[in-house]
Amino acid sequence: SLSGKGDVETCRRMAEHALESGAALEKFSAMIAAQGGDALV
């Protein structure tokens, strides 16, 4: 919401979808790999 993505309620639904869809897991894995870590964890 602070970033301008919508009101808090709308952004909460966006965050829940990112978690439930696996999109957030993909981002975490990509960040680990980009920083040299074992993304297979």
ModelCIF file with pLDDT and N, C-alpha, C, O atoms, coordinates in Angstrom:
data_MODEL
#
_entry.id   MODEL 
#
_entity.id                         1 
_entity.type                       polymer 
_entity.pdbx_number_of_molecules   1 
#
_entity_poly.entity_id                      1 
_entity_poly.type                           'polypeptide(L)' 
_entity_poly.nstd_linkage                   no 
_entity_poly.nstd_monomer                   no 
_entity_poly.pdbx_seq_one_letter_code       SLSGKGDVETCRRMAEHALESGAALEKFSAMIAAQGGDALV 
_entity_poly.pdbx_seq_one_letter_code_can   SLSGKGDVETCRRMAEHALESGAALEKFSAMIAAQGGDALV 
_entity_poly.pdbx_strand_id                 A 
#
loop_
_entity_poly_seq.entity_id 
_entity_poly_seq.num 
_entity_poly_seq.mon_id 
_entity_poly_seq.hetero 
1 1  SER n 
1 2  LEU n 
1 3  SER n 
1 4  GLY n 
1 5  LYS n 
1 6  GLY n 
1 7  ASP n 
1 8  VAL n 
1 9  GLU n 
1 10 THR n 
1 11 CYS n 
1 12 ARG n 
1 13 ARG n 
1 14 MET n 
1 15 ALA n 
1 16 GLU n 
1 17 HIS n 
1 18 ALA n 
1 19 LEU n 
1 20 GLU n 
1 21 SER n 
1 22 GLY n 
1 23 ALA n 
1 24 ALA n 
1 25 LEU n 
1 26 GLU n 
1 27 LYS n 
1 28 PHE n 
1 29 SER n 
1 30 ALA n 
1 31 MET n 
1 32 ILE n 
1 33 ALA n 
1 34 ALA n 
1 35 GLN n 
1 36 GLY n 
1 37 GLY n 
1 38 ASP n 
1 39 ALA n 
1 40 LEU n 
1 41 VAL n 
#
_struct_asym.id          A 
_struct_asym.entity_id   1 
#
loop_
_ma_qa_metric.id 
_ma_qa_metric.mode 
_ma_qa_metric.name 
_ma_qa_metric.software_group_id 
_ma_qa_metric.type 
1 global pLDDT . pLDDT 
2 local  pLDDT . pLDDT 
#
_ma_qa_metric_global.metric_id      1 
_ma_qa_metric_global.metric_value   96.95 
_ma_qa_metric_global.model_id       1 
_ma_qa_metric_global.ordinal_id     1 
#
loop_
_ma_qa_metric_local.label_asym_id 
_ma_qa_metric_local.label_comp_id 
_ma_qa_metric_local.label_seq_id 
_ma_qa_metric_local.metric_id 
_ma_qa_metric_local.metric_value 
_ma_qa_metric_local.model_id 
_ma_qa_metric_local.ordinal_id 
A SER 1  2 97.00 1 1  
A LEU 2  2 96.00 1 2  
A SER 3  2 95.00 1 3  
A GLY 4  2 94.00 1 4  
A LYS 5  2 95.00 1 5  
A GLY 6  2 95.00 1 6  
A ASP 7  2 96.00 1 7  
A VAL 8  2 96.00 1 8  
A GLU 9  2 96.00 1 9  
A THR 10 2 97.00 1 10 
A CYS 11 2 97.00 1 11 
A ARG 12 2 97.00 1 12 
A ARG 13 2 97.00 1 13 
A MET 14 2 97.00 1 14 
A ALA 15 2 97.00 1 15 
A GLU 16 2 97.00 1 16 
A HIS 17 2 97.00 1 17 
A ALA 18 2 97.00 1 18 
A LEU 19 2 96.00 1 19 
A GLU 20 2 96.00 1 20 
A SER 21 2 96.00 1 21 
A GLY 22 2 97.00 1 22 
A ALA 23 2 98.00 1 23 
A ALA 24 2 98.00 1 24 
A LEU 25 2 98.00 1 25 
A GLU 26 2 98.00 1 26 
A LYS 27 2 98.00 1 27 
A PHE 28 2 98.00 1 28 
A SER 29 2 98.00 1 29 
A ALA 30 2 98.00 1 30 
A MET 31 2 98.00 1 31 
A ILE 32 2 98.00 1 32 
A ALA 33 2 98.00 1 33 
A ALA 34 2 97.00 1 34 
A GLN 35 2 97.00 1 35 
A GLY 36 2 97.00 1 36 
A GLY 37 2 97.00 1 37 
A ASP 38 2 98.00 1 38 
A ALA 39 2 97.00 1 39 
A LEU 40 2 98.00 1 40 
A VAL 41 2 98.00 1 41 
#
loop_
_atom_site.group_PDB 
_atom_site.id 
_atom_site.type_symbol 
_atom_site.label_atom_id 
_atom_site.label_alt_id 
_atom_site.label_comp_id 
_atom_site.label_asym_id 
_atom_site.label_entity_id 
_atom_site.label_seq_id 
_atom_site.pdbx_PDB_ins_code 
_atom_site.Cartn_x 
_atom_site.Cartn_y 
_atom_site.Cartn_z 
_atom_site.occupancy 
_atom_site.B_iso_or_equiv 
_atom_site.pdbx_formal_charge 
_atom_site.auth_seq_id 
_atom_site.auth_comp_id 
_atom_site.auth_asym_id 
_atom_site.auth_atom_id 
_atom_site.pdbx_PDB_model_num 
ATOM 1   N N  . SER A 1 1  ? 0.824  -1.202  0.000  1.00 97.00 ? 1  SER A N  1 
ATOM 2   C CA . SER A 1 1  ? 0.000  0.000   0.000  1.00 97.00 ? 1  SER A CA 1 
ATOM 3   C C  . SER A 1 1  ? 0.862  1.258   0.000  1.00 97.00 ? 1  SER A C  1 
ATOM 4   O O  . SER A 1 1  ? 0.583  2.206   -0.733 1.00 97.00 ? 1  SER A O  1 
ATOM 5   N N  . LEU A 1 2  ? 1.915  1.264   0.828  1.00 96.00 ? 2  LEU A N  1 
ATOM 6   C CA . LEU A 1 2  ? 2.844  2.392   0.840  1.00 96.00 ? 2  LEU A CA 1 
ATOM 7   C C  . LEU A 1 2  ? 3.489  2.594   -0.531 1.00 96.00 ? 2  LEU A C  1 
ATOM 8   O O  . LEU A 1 2  ? 3.800  3.718   -0.924 1.00 96.00 ? 2  LEU A O  1 
ATOM 9   N N  . SER A 1 3  ? 3.686  1.481   -1.256 1.00 95.00 ? 3  SER A N  1 
ATOM 10  C CA . SER A 1 3  ? 4.320  1.525   -2.576 1.00 95.00 ? 3  SER A CA 1 
ATOM 11  C C  . SER A 1 3  ? 3.369  1.987   -3.674 1.00 95.00 ? 3  SER A C  1 
ATOM 12  O O  . SER A 1 3  ? 3.773  2.139   -4.827 1.00 95.00 ? 3  SER A O  1 
ATOM 13  N N  . GLY A 1 4  ? 2.092  2.213   -3.312 1.00 94.00 ? 4  GLY A N  1 
ATOM 14  C CA . GLY A 1 4  ? 1.130  2.691   -4.299 1.00 94.00 ? 4  GLY A CA 1 
ATOM 15  C C  . GLY A 1 4  ? 0.407  1.594   -5.053 1.00 94.00 ? 4  GLY A C  1 
ATOM 16  O O  . GLY A 1 4  ? -0.102 1.836   -6.147 1.00 94.00 ? 4  GLY A O  1 
ATOM 17  N N  . LYS A 1 5  ? 0.349  0.381   -4.491 1.00 95.00 ? 5  LYS A N  1 
ATOM 18  C CA . LYS A 1 5  ? -0.298 -0.740  -5.174 1.00 95.00 ? 5  LYS A CA 1 
ATOM 19  C C  . LYS A 1 5  ? -1.798 -0.847  -4.874 1.00 95.00 ? 5  LYS A C  1 
ATOM 20  O O  . LYS A 1 5  ? -2.469 -1.732  -5.404 1.00 95.00 ? 5  LYS A O  1 
ATOM 21  N N  . GLY A 1 6  ? -2.323 0.037   -4.036 1.00 95.00 ? 6  GLY A N  1 
ATOM 22  C CA . GLY A 1 6  ? -3.741 -0.009  -3.709 1.00 95.00 ? 6  GLY A CA 1 
ATOM 23  C C  . GLY A 1 6  ? -3.965 0.191   -2.231 1.00 95.00 ? 6  GLY A C  1 
ATOM 24  O O  . GLY A 1 6  ? -3.019 0.411   -1.475 1.00 95.00 ? 6  GLY A O  1 
ATOM 25  N N  . ASP A 1 7  ? -5.238 0.112   -1.807 1.00 96.00 ? 7  ASP A N  1 
ATOM 26  C CA . ASP A 1 7  ? -5.507 0.227   -0.378 1.00 96.00 ? 7  ASP A CA 1 
ATOM 27  C C  . ASP A 1 7  ? -5.069 -1.050  0.335  1.00 96.00 ? 7  ASP A C  1 
ATOM 28  O O  . ASP A 1 7  ? -4.740 -2.050  -0.302 1.00 96.00 ? 7  ASP A O  1 
ATOM 29  N N  . VAL A 1 8  ? -5.069 -1.000  1.656  1.00 96.00 ? 8  VAL A N  1 
ATOM 30  C CA . VAL A 1 8  ? -4.525 -2.118  2.441  1.00 96.00 ? 8  VAL A CA 1 
ATOM 31  C C  . VAL A 1 8  ? -5.307 -3.401  2.192  1.00 96.00 ? 8  VAL A C  1 
ATOM 32  O O  . VAL A 1 8  ? -4.708 -4.472  2.097  1.00 96.00 ? 8  VAL A O  1 
ATOM 33  N N  . GLU A 1 9  ? -6.631 -3.318  2.084  1.00 96.00 ? 9  GLU A N  1 
ATOM 34  C CA . GLU A 1 9  ? -7.443 -4.518  1.873  1.00 96.00 ? 9  GLU A CA 1 
ATOM 35  C C  . GLU A 1 9  ? -7.119 -5.167  0.527  1.00 96.00 ? 9  GLU A C  1 
ATOM 36  O O  . GLU A 1 9  ? -6.957 -6.384  0.443  1.00 96.00 ? 9  GLU A O  1 
ATOM 37  N N  . THR A 1 10 ? -7.024 -4.352  -0.521 1.00 97.00 ? 10 THR A N  1 
ATOM 38  C CA . THR A 1 10 ? -6.672 -4.881  -1.851 1.00 97.00 ? 10 THR A CA 1 
ATOM 39  C C  . THR A 1 10 ? -5.291 -5.504  -1.822 1.00 97.00 ? 10 THR A C  1 
ATOM 40  O O  . THR A 1 10 ? -5.075 -6.578  -2.384 1.00 97.00 ? 10 THR A O  1 
ATOM 41  N N  . CYS A 1 11 ? -4.352 -4.829  -1.166 1.00 97.00 ? 11 CYS A N  1 
ATOM 42  C CA . CYS A 1 11 ? -2.977 -5.340  -1.104 1.00 97.00 ? 11 CYS A CA 1 
ATOM 43  C C  . CYS A 1 11 ? -2.887 -6.613  -0.271 1.00 97.00 ? 11 CYS A C  1 
ATOM 44  O O  . CYS A 1 11 ? -2.049 -7.472  -0.546 1.00 97.00 ? 11 CYS A O  1 
ATOM 45  N N  . ARG A 1 12 ? -3.737 -6.744  0.737  1.00 97.00 ? 12 ARG A N  1 
ATOM 46  C CA . ARG A 1 12 ? -3.767 -7.981  1.529  1.00 97.00 ? 12 ARG A CA 1 
ATOM 47  C C  . ARG A 1 12 ? -4.197 -9.150  0.648  1.00 97.00 ? 12 ARG A C  1 
ATOM 48  O O  . ARG A 1 12 ? -3.628 -10.237 0.744  1.00 97.00 ? 12 ARG A O  1 
ATOM 49  N N  . ARG A 1 13 ? -5.188 -8.939  -0.202 1.00 97.00 ? 13 ARG A N  1 
ATOM 50  C CA . ARG A 1 13 ? -5.634 -10.003 -1.101 1.00 97.00 ? 13 ARG A CA 1 
ATOM 51  C C  . ARG A 1 13 ? -4.522 -10.352 -2.098 1.00 97.00 ? 13 ARG A C  1 
ATOM 52  O O  . ARG A 1 13 ? -4.326 -11.524 -2.421 1.00 97.00 ? 13 ARG A O  1 
ATOM 53  N N  . MET A 1 14 ? -3.809 -9.358  -2.577 1.00 97.00 ? 14 MET A N  1 
ATOM 54  C CA . MET A 1 14 ? -2.683 -9.606  -3.488 1.00 97.00 ? 14 MET A CA 1 
ATOM 55  C C  . MET A 1 14 ? -1.622 -10.462 -2.797 1.00 97.00 ? 14 MET A C  1 
ATOM 56  O O  . MET A 1 14 ? -1.102 -11.413 -3.380 1.00 97.00 ? 14 MET A O  1 
ATOM 57  N N  . ALA A 1 15 ? -1.305 -10.111 -1.541 1.00 97.00 ? 15 ALA A N  1 
ATOM 58  C CA . ALA A 1 15 ? -0.281 -10.849 -0.792 1.00 97.00 ? 15 ALA A CA 1 
ATOM 59  C C  . ALA A 1 15 ? -0.710 -12.292 -0.552 1.00 97.00 ? 15 ALA A C  1 
ATOM 60  O O  . ALA A 1 15 ? 0.097  -13.213 -0.678 1.00 97.00 ? 15 ALA A O  1 
ATOM 61  N N  . GLU A 1 16 ? -1.992 -12.489 -0.204 1.00 97.00 ? 16 GLU A N  1 
ATOM 62  C CA . GLU A 1 16 ? -2.489 -13.851 0.017  1.00 97.00 ? 16 GLU A CA 1 
ATOM 63  C C  . GLU A 1 16 ? -2.416 -14.676 -1.260 1.00 97.00 ? 16 GLU A C  1 
ATOM 64  O O  . GLU A 1 16 ? -2.076 -15.858 -1.215 1.00 97.00 ? 16 GLU A O  1 
ATOM 65  N N  . HIS A 1 17 ? -2.731 -14.068 -2.391 1.00 97.00 ? 17 HIS A N  1 
ATOM 66  C CA . HIS A 1 17 ? -2.651 -14.789 -3.665 1.00 97.00 ? 17 HIS A CA 1 
ATOM 67  C C  . HIS A 1 17 ? -1.207 -15.161 -3.979 1.00 97.00 ? 17 HIS A C  1 
ATOM 68  O O  . HIS A 1 17 ? -0.941 -16.266 -4.452 1.00 97.00 ? 17 HIS A O  1 
ATOM 69  N N  . ALA A 1 18 ? -0.271 -14.245 -3.719 1.00 97.00 ? 18 ALA A N  1 
ATOM 70  C CA . ALA A 1 18 ? 1.148  -14.531 -3.975 1.00 97.00 ? 18 ALA A CA 1 
ATOM 71  C C  . ALA A 1 18 ? 1.625  -15.713 -3.139 1.00 97.00 ? 18 ALA A C  1 
ATOM 72  O O  . ALA A 1 18 ? 2.434  -16.522 -3.591 1.00 97.00 ? 18 ALA A O  1 
ATOM 73  N N  . LEU A 1 19 ? 1.113  -15.800 -1.916 1.00 96.00 ? 19 LEU A N  1 
ATOM 74  C CA . LEU A 1 19 ? 1.490  -16.914 -1.039 1.00 96.00 ? 19 LEU A CA 1 
ATOM 75  C C  . LEU A 1 19 ? 0.838  -18.212 -1.486 1.00 96.00 ? 19 LEU A C  1 
ATOM 76  O O  . LEU A 1 19 ? 1.502  -19.244 -1.581 1.00 96.00 ? 19 LEU A O  1 
ATOM 77  N N  . GLU A 1 20 ? -0.458 -18.162 -1.759 1.00 96.00 ? 20 GLU A N  1 
ATOM 78  C CA . GLU A 1 20 ? -1.207 -19.376 -2.088 1.00 96.00 ? 20 GLU A CA 1 
ATOM 79  C C  . GLU A 1 20 ? -0.859 -19.921 -3.474 1.00 96.00 ? 20 GLU A C  1 
ATOM 80  O O  . GLU A 1 20 ? -0.934 -21.131 -3.692 1.00 96.00 ? 20 GLU A O  1 
ATOM 81  N N  . SER A 1 21 ? -0.486 -19.063 -4.399 1.00 96.00 ? 21 SER A N  1 
ATOM 82  C CA . SER A 1 21 ? -0.181 -19.499 -5.766 1.00 96.00 ? 21 SER A CA 1 
ATOM 83  C C  . SER A 1 21 ? 1.216  -20.074 -5.918 1.00 96.00 ? 21 SER A C  1 
ATOM 84  O O  . SER A 1 21 ? 1.522  -20.709 -6.927 1.00 96.00 ? 21 SER A O  1 
ATOM 85  N N  . GLY A 1 22 ? 2.065  -19.857 -4.925 1.00 97.00 ? 22 GLY A N  1 
ATOM 86  C CA . GLY A 1 22 ? 3.456  -20.306 -5.023 1.00 97.00 ? 22 GLY A CA 1 
ATOM 87  C C  . GLY A 1 22 ? 4.376  -19.256 -5.629 1.00 97.00 ? 22 GLY A C  1 
ATOM 88  O O  . GLY A 1 22 ? 5.579  -19.488 -5.750 1.00 97.00 ? 22 GLY A O  1 
ATOM 89  N N  . ALA A 1 23 ? 3.829  -18.103 -6.011 1.00 98.00 ? 23 ALA A N  1 
ATOM 90  C CA . ALA A 1 23 ? 4.657  -17.057 -6.623 1.00 98.00 ? 23 ALA A CA 1 
ATOM 91  C C  . ALA A 1 23 ? 5.700  -16.520 -5.645 1.00 98.00 ? 23 ALA A C  1 
ATOM 92  O O  . ALA A 1 23 ? 6.825  -16.217 -6.042 1.00 98.00 ? 23 ALA A O  1 
ATOM 93  N N  . ALA A 1 24 ? 5.331  -16.400 -4.375 1.00 98.00 ? 24 ALA A N  1 
ATOM 94  C CA . ALA A 1 24 ? 6.280  -15.910 -3.375 1.00 98.00 ? 24 ALA A CA 1 
ATOM 95  C C  . ALA A 1 24 ? 7.404  -16.923 -3.155 1.00 98.00 ? 24 ALA A C  1 
ATOM 96  O O  . ALA A 1 24 ? 8.558  -16.536 -2.977 1.00 98.00 ? 24 ALA A O  1 
ATOM 97  N N  . LEU A 1 25 ? 7.073  -18.221 -3.165 1.00 98.00 ? 25 LEU A N  1 
ATOM 98  C CA . LEU A 1 25 ? 8.101  -19.264 -3.037 1.00 98.00 ? 25 LEU A CA 1 
ATOM 99  C C  . LEU A 1 25 ? 9.088  -19.180 -4.195 1.00 98.00 ? 25 LEU A C  1 
ATOM 100 O O  . LEU A 1 25 ? 10.295 -19.318 -3.996 1.00 98.00 ? 25 LEU A O  1 
ATOM 101 N N  . GLU A 1 26 ? 8.575  -18.954 -5.416 1.00 98.00 ? 26 GLU A N  1 
ATOM 102 C CA . GLU A 1 26 ? 9.455  -18.812 -6.578 1.00 98.00 ? 26 GLU A CA 1 
ATOM 103 C C  . GLU A 1 26 ? 10.400 -17.632 -6.411 1.00 98.00 ? 26 GLU A C  1 
ATOM 104 O O  . GLU A 1 26 ? 11.577 -17.730 -6.760 1.00 98.00 ? 26 GLU A O  1 
ATOM 105 N N  . LYS A 1 27 ? 9.900  -16.507 -5.877 1.00 98.00 ? 27 LYS A N  1 
ATOM 106 C CA . LYS A 1 27 ? 10.753 -15.339 -5.653 1.00 98.00 ? 27 LYS A CA 1 
ATOM 107 C C  . LYS A 1 27 ? 11.833 -15.629 -4.615 1.00 98.00 ? 27 LYS A C  1 
ATOM 108 O O  . LYS A 1 27 ? 12.984 -15.222 -4.772 1.00 98.00 ? 27 LYS A O  1 
ATOM 109 N N  . PHE A 1 28 ? 11.445 -16.340 -3.549 1.00 98.00 ? 28 PHE A N  1 
ATOM 110 C CA . PHE A 1 28 ? 12.426 -16.674 -2.513 1.00 98.00 ? 28 PHE A CA 1 
ATOM 111 C C  . PHE A 1 28 ? 13.510 -17.567 -3.083 1.00 98.00 ? 28 PHE A C  1 
ATOM 112 O O  . PHE A 1 28 ? 14.693 -17.354 -2.819 1.00 98.00 ? 28 PHE A O  1 
ATOM 113 N N  . SER A 1 29 ? 13.120 -18.561 -3.859 1.00 98.00 ? 29 SER A N  1 
ATOM 114 C CA . SER A 1 29 ? 14.080 -19.459 -4.495 1.00 98.00 ? 29 SER A CA 1 
ATOM 115 C C  . SER A 1 29 ? 14.995 -18.690 -5.439 1.00 98.00 ? 29 SER A C  1 
ATOM 116 O O  . SER A 1 29 ? 16.202 -18.929 -5.467 1.00 98.00 ? 29 SER A O  1 
ATOM 117 N N  . ALA A 1 30 ? 14.424 -17.767 -6.213 1.00 98.00 ? 30 ALA A N  1 
ATOM 118 C CA . ALA A 1 30 ? 15.227 -16.981 -7.161 1.00 98.00 ? 30 ALA A CA 1 
ATOM 119 C C  . ALA A 1 30 ? 16.210 -16.083 -6.423 1.00 98.00 ? 30 ALA A C  1 
ATOM 120 O O  . ALA A 1 30 ? 17.349 -15.926 -6.863 1.00 98.00 ? 30 ALA A O  1 
ATOM 121 N N  . MET A 1 31 ? 15.788 -15.491 -5.305 1.00 98.00 ? 31 MET A N  1 
ATOM 122 C CA . MET A 1 31 ? 16.688 -14.643 -4.525 1.00 98.00 ? 31 MET A CA 1 
ATOM 123 C C  . MET A 1 31 ? 17.836 -15.457 -3.940 1.00 98.00 ? 31 MET A C  1 
ATOM 124 O O  . MET A 1 31 ? 18.986 -15.017 -3.957 1.00 98.00 ? 31 MET A O  1 
ATOM 125 N N  . ILE A 1 32 ? 17.524 -16.650 -3.420 1.00 98.00 ? 32 ILE A N  1 
ATOM 126 C CA . ILE A 1 32 ? 18.575 -17.517 -2.873 1.00 98.00 ? 32 ILE A CA 1 
ATOM 127 C C  . ILE A 1 32 ? 19.603 -17.842 -3.953 1.00 98.00 ? 32 ILE A C  1 
ATOM 128 O O  . ILE A 1 32 ? 20.807 -17.727 -3.724 1.00 98.00 ? 32 ILE A O  1 
ATOM 129 N N  . ALA A 1 33 ? 19.125 -18.248 -5.132 1.00 98.00 ? 33 ALA A N  1 
ATOM 130 C CA . ALA A 1 33 ? 20.034 -18.612 -6.230 1.00 98.00 ? 33 ALA A CA 1 
ATOM 131 C C  . ALA A 1 33 ? 20.872 -17.412 -6.663 1.00 98.00 ? 33 ALA A C  1 
ATOM 132 O O  . ALA A 1 33 ? 22.073 -17.544 -6.898 1.00 98.00 ? 33 ALA A O  1 
ATOM 133 N N  . ALA A 1 34 ? 20.240 -16.243 -6.767 1.00 97.00 ? 34 ALA A N  1 
ATOM 134 C CA . ALA A 1 34 ? 20.961 -15.053 -7.218 1.00 97.00 ? 34 ALA A CA 1 
ATOM 135 C C  . ALA A 1 34 ? 22.049 -14.647 -6.234 1.00 97.00 ? 34 ALA A C  1 
ATOM 136 O O  . ALA A 1 34 ? 23.048 -14.046 -6.627 1.00 97.00 ? 34 ALA A O  1 
ATOM 137 N N  . GLN A 1 35 ? 21.861 -14.972 -4.948 1.00 97.00 ? 35 GLN A N  1 
ATOM 138 C CA . GLN A 1 35 ? 22.843 -14.618 -3.936 1.00 97.00 ? 35 GLN A CA 1 
ATOM 139 C C  . GLN A 1 35 ? 23.773 -15.788 -3.592 1.00 97.00 ? 35 GLN A C  1 
ATOM 140 O O  . GLN A 1 35 ? 24.417 -15.800 -2.543 1.00 97.00 ? 35 GLN A O  1 
ATOM 141 N N  . GLY A 1 36 ? 23.826 -16.770 -4.502 1.00 97.00 ? 36 GLY A N  1 
ATOM 142 C CA . GLY A 1 36 ? 24.800 -17.850 -4.378 1.00 97.00 ? 36 GLY A CA 1 
ATOM 143 C C  . GLY A 1 36 ? 24.404 -18.995 -3.488 1.00 97.00 ? 36 GLY A C  1 
ATOM 144 O O  . GLY A 1 36 ? 25.216 -19.884 -3.229 1.00 97.00 ? 36 GLY A O  1 
ATOM 145 N N  . GLY A 1 37 ? 23.157 -19.001 -3.003 1.00 97.00 ? 37 GLY A N  1 
ATOM 146 C CA . GLY A 1 37 ? 22.734 -20.044 -2.083 1.00 97.00 ? 37 GLY A CA 1 
ATOM 147 C C  . GLY A 1 37 ? 22.173 -21.272 -2.770 1.00 97.00 ? 37 GLY A C  1 
ATOM 148 O O  . GLY A 1 37 ? 21.927 -21.269 -3.976 1.00 97.00 ? 37 GLY A O  1 
ATOM 149 N N  . ASP A 1 38 ? 21.976 -22.316 -1.993 1.00 98.00 ? 38 ASP A N  1 
ATOM 150 C CA . ASP A 1 38 ? 21.408 -23.578 -2.476 1.00 98.00 ? 38 ASP A CA 1 
ATOM 151 C C  . ASP A 1 38 ? 19.886 -23.449 -2.529 1.00 98.00 ? 38 ASP A C  1 
ATOM 152 O O  . ASP A 1 38 ? 19.204 -23.658 -1.525 1.00 98.00 ? 38 ASP A O  1 
ATOM 153 N N  . ALA A 1 39 ? 19.361 -23.104 -3.702 1.00 97.00 ? 39 ALA A N  1 
ATOM 154 C CA . ALA A 1 39 ? 17.919 -22.889 -3.850 1.00 97.00 ? 39 ALA A CA 1 
ATOM 155 C C  . ALA A 1 39 ? 17.114 -24.171 -3.676 1.00 97.00 ? 39 ALA A C  1 
ATOM 156 O O  . ALA A 1 39 ? 15.896 -24.106 -3.511 1.00 97.00 ? 39 ALA A O  1 
ATOM 157 N N  . LEU A 1 40 ? 17.758 -25.328 -3.708 1.00 98.00 ? 40 LEU A N  1 
ATOM 158 C CA . LEU A 1 40 ? 17.047 -26.595 -3.526 1.00 98.00 ? 40 LEU A CA 1 
ATOM 159 C C  . LEU A 1 40 ? 16.516 -26.762 -2.098 1.00 98.00 ? 40 LEU A C  1 
ATOM 160 O O  . LEU A 1 40 ? 15.711 -27.654 -1.831 1.00 98.00 ? 40 LEU A O  1 
ATOM 161 N N  . VAL A 1 41 ? 16.978 -25.885 -1.170 1.00 98.00 ? 41 VAL A N  1 
ATOM 162 C CA . VAL A 1 41 ? 16.437 -25.973 0.188  1.00 98.00 ? 41 VAL A CA 1 
ATOM 163 C C  . VAL A 1 41 ? 14.940 -25.683 0.189  1.00 98.00 ? 41 VAL A C  1 
ATOM 164 O O  . VAL A 1 41 ? 14.306 -25.711 1.244  1.00 98.00 ? 41 VAL A O  1 
#
